[in-house]
Protein backbone atom coordinates (compact mmCIF):
# COMPACT_ATOMS: atom_id res chain seq x y z
CA MET A 1 -67.39 -61.06 130.77
CA LYS A 2 -69.38 -58.91 133.19
CA ALA A 3 -68.66 -59.38 136.91
CA THR A 4 -71.52 -60.79 138.97
CA PRO A 5 -72.95 -58.86 141.93
CA LEU A 6 -71.53 -61.58 144.19
CA LYS A 7 -68.00 -60.97 142.86
CA LEU A 8 -68.41 -57.18 143.04
CA ILE A 9 -69.58 -57.41 146.66
CA ALA A 10 -66.63 -59.64 147.60
CA GLU A 11 -64.22 -57.18 145.95
CA LYS A 12 -65.79 -54.15 147.67
CA ILE A 13 -65.68 -55.82 151.08
CA ALA A 14 -62.02 -56.75 150.48
CA GLU A 15 -61.09 -53.14 149.67
CA SER A 16 -63.14 -51.58 152.50
CA HIS A 17 -61.73 -50.99 155.98
CA ARG A 18 -64.75 -49.89 158.02
CA LEU A 19 -68.14 -51.40 157.23
CA VAL A 20 -71.55 -51.03 158.78
CA ILE A 21 -74.40 -53.49 158.39
CA THR A 22 -78.06 -52.61 158.77
CA SER A 23 -81.33 -54.35 158.05
CA HIS A 24 -84.99 -53.58 157.73
CA LEU A 25 -87.28 -51.98 160.29
CA ARG A 26 -88.72 -54.48 162.78
CA PRO A 27 -85.84 -56.92 162.19
CA ASP A 28 -86.47 -60.65 162.11
CA GLY A 29 -84.28 -63.69 162.66
CA ASP A 30 -83.04 -63.82 159.08
CA SER A 31 -81.83 -60.22 159.05
CA LEU A 32 -80.42 -60.27 162.60
CA CYS A 33 -78.54 -63.54 162.32
CA THR A 34 -77.28 -62.71 158.83
CA SER A 35 -76.00 -59.36 160.13
CA LEU A 36 -74.08 -61.16 162.86
CA ALA A 37 -72.68 -63.77 160.45
CA LEU A 38 -71.56 -61.10 157.95
CA ALA A 39 -69.95 -59.08 160.73
CA PHE A 40 -68.08 -62.11 162.04
CA ALA A 41 -66.91 -63.14 158.56
CA THR A 42 -65.68 -59.67 157.62
CA GLU A 43 -63.94 -59.25 160.97
CA GLN A 44 -62.05 -62.47 160.21
CA MET A 45 -60.76 -60.61 157.15
CA GLY A 46 -59.38 -57.88 159.41
CA LYS A 47 -62.19 -55.39 158.82
CA GLU A 48 -63.78 -53.09 161.39
CA VAL A 49 -67.52 -53.80 161.39
CA ALA A 50 -70.51 -52.33 163.18
CA ILE A 51 -74.13 -53.44 163.10
CA ILE A 52 -76.62 -50.61 163.55
CA ASN A 53 -80.37 -51.06 163.21
CA LYS A 54 -83.06 -48.44 163.64
CA ASP A 55 -85.48 -50.66 165.59
CA LYS A 56 -84.93 -52.65 168.76
CA ILE A 57 -84.24 -56.35 168.71
CA PRO A 58 -87.47 -58.31 169.20
CA VAL A 59 -88.14 -61.20 171.55
CA PRO A 60 -86.78 -63.91 171.55
CA PHE A 61 -83.66 -62.62 169.78
CA LYS A 62 -82.84 -59.98 172.38
CA ASN A 63 -81.93 -62.84 174.73
CA PHE A 64 -79.20 -64.12 172.37
CA PRO A 65 -75.84 -62.95 173.79
CA GLU A 66 -74.48 -62.19 170.30
CA CYS A 67 -77.27 -59.66 169.69
CA ALA A 68 -75.81 -57.41 172.39
CA ARG A 69 -73.34 -56.10 169.80
CA ILE A 70 -76.15 -54.72 167.59
CA ARG A 71 -76.47 -51.00 168.23
CA ILE A 72 -79.86 -49.34 167.98
CA GLY A 73 -80.08 -45.94 166.31
CA GLN A 74 -78.84 -44.08 163.26
CA ILE A 75 -75.73 -44.73 161.22
CA PRO A 76 -73.69 -41.53 161.51
CA PRO A 77 -72.62 -39.79 158.30
CA ASN A 78 -69.06 -40.12 156.97
CA VAL A 79 -67.78 -42.76 159.41
CA TYR A 80 -67.73 -45.96 157.35
CA ASP A 81 -66.42 -46.92 153.90
CA THR A 82 -69.37 -49.13 153.01
CA VAL A 83 -72.92 -49.82 154.15
CA ILE A 84 -74.44 -53.27 153.66
CA LEU A 85 -78.25 -53.19 153.68
CA LEU A 86 -79.98 -56.51 154.25
CA GLU A 87 -83.55 -57.18 153.12
CA CYS A 88 -84.32 -53.52 152.43
CA ALA A 89 -86.49 -53.11 149.31
CA ASP A 90 -85.48 -49.44 149.32
CA VAL A 91 -83.32 -47.24 151.55
CA SER A 92 -86.30 -46.02 153.57
CA ARG A 93 -87.03 -49.61 154.66
CA SER A 94 -83.84 -49.42 156.76
CA GLY A 95 -85.06 -46.42 158.75
CA GLN A 96 -81.59 -44.91 158.36
CA ASN A 97 -81.44 -41.19 157.59
CA HIS A 98 -77.75 -40.53 156.86
CA LEU A 99 -76.83 -42.93 154.05
CA LYS A 100 -76.46 -40.36 151.29
CA GLY A 101 -72.84 -40.32 150.17
CA TYR A 102 -72.13 -43.82 151.42
CA PHE A 103 -71.21 -46.66 149.09
CA LYS A 104 -74.20 -48.99 149.46
CA ILE A 105 -74.43 -52.76 148.98
CA ASN A 106 -77.99 -54.08 148.72
CA ILE A 107 -78.47 -57.80 149.51
CA ASP A 108 -82.05 -59.03 149.36
CA HIS A 109 -84.13 -62.06 148.45
CA HIS A 110 -87.42 -60.22 147.89
CA TYR A 111 -88.55 -59.58 144.31
CA SER A 112 -89.96 -56.14 145.25
CA ASN A 113 -86.48 -54.62 145.64
CA ASP A 114 -85.85 -51.25 143.90
CA HIS A 115 -82.16 -51.94 143.04
CA TYR A 116 -81.16 -48.61 144.63
CA ALA A 117 -77.59 -49.29 145.71
CA ASP A 118 -74.16 -49.06 144.12
CA ILE A 119 -74.13 -52.87 144.05
CA ASN A 120 -77.43 -54.74 144.05
CA TRP A 121 -77.64 -58.47 144.66
CA VAL A 122 -81.29 -59.42 144.60
CA ASN A 123 -82.11 -63.11 144.32
CA PRO A 124 -85.82 -63.94 144.75
CA GLN A 125 -84.96 -67.63 144.35
CA ALA A 126 -83.05 -67.58 147.65
CA SER A 127 -85.06 -68.75 150.64
CA ALA A 128 -83.41 -66.23 152.95
CA VAL A 129 -80.76 -63.51 152.97
CA GLY A 130 -78.75 -65.86 155.18
CA GLU A 131 -78.53 -68.28 152.26
CA MET A 132 -77.11 -65.48 150.14
CA ALA A 133 -74.55 -64.54 152.80
CA PHE A 134 -73.46 -68.16 152.97
CA ALA A 135 -72.83 -68.10 149.21
CA LEU A 136 -70.84 -64.87 149.59
CA PHE A 137 -68.45 -66.27 152.19
């Protein structure tokens, strides 16, 4: 029996030590809050996790204390084991320039996704990527 993307993602997170989470340009509440939830959950597993987005956090989310941990800029090359991309139909949607060579996990609920990553979990039936993260953890 073939492993599901959900099981493959859980296994990859379990074997990774340093993860980075990013989401789409002009992040919204779904991508920001899901990034924070995934970071918290993986840290509870003893993982080192960073959240790095290309674009600034929009109002009203920039006033949420938890959002202060989200760094703005580029993910540096060769620092993390795994990159989790949220709601990015393709890599360019993240605005990140240094992802070549990284193991990539693509989690998205939009049907337009290109399935570009090493593990792709695309579920257009999900109402939000947060719903998918809930199922993961």
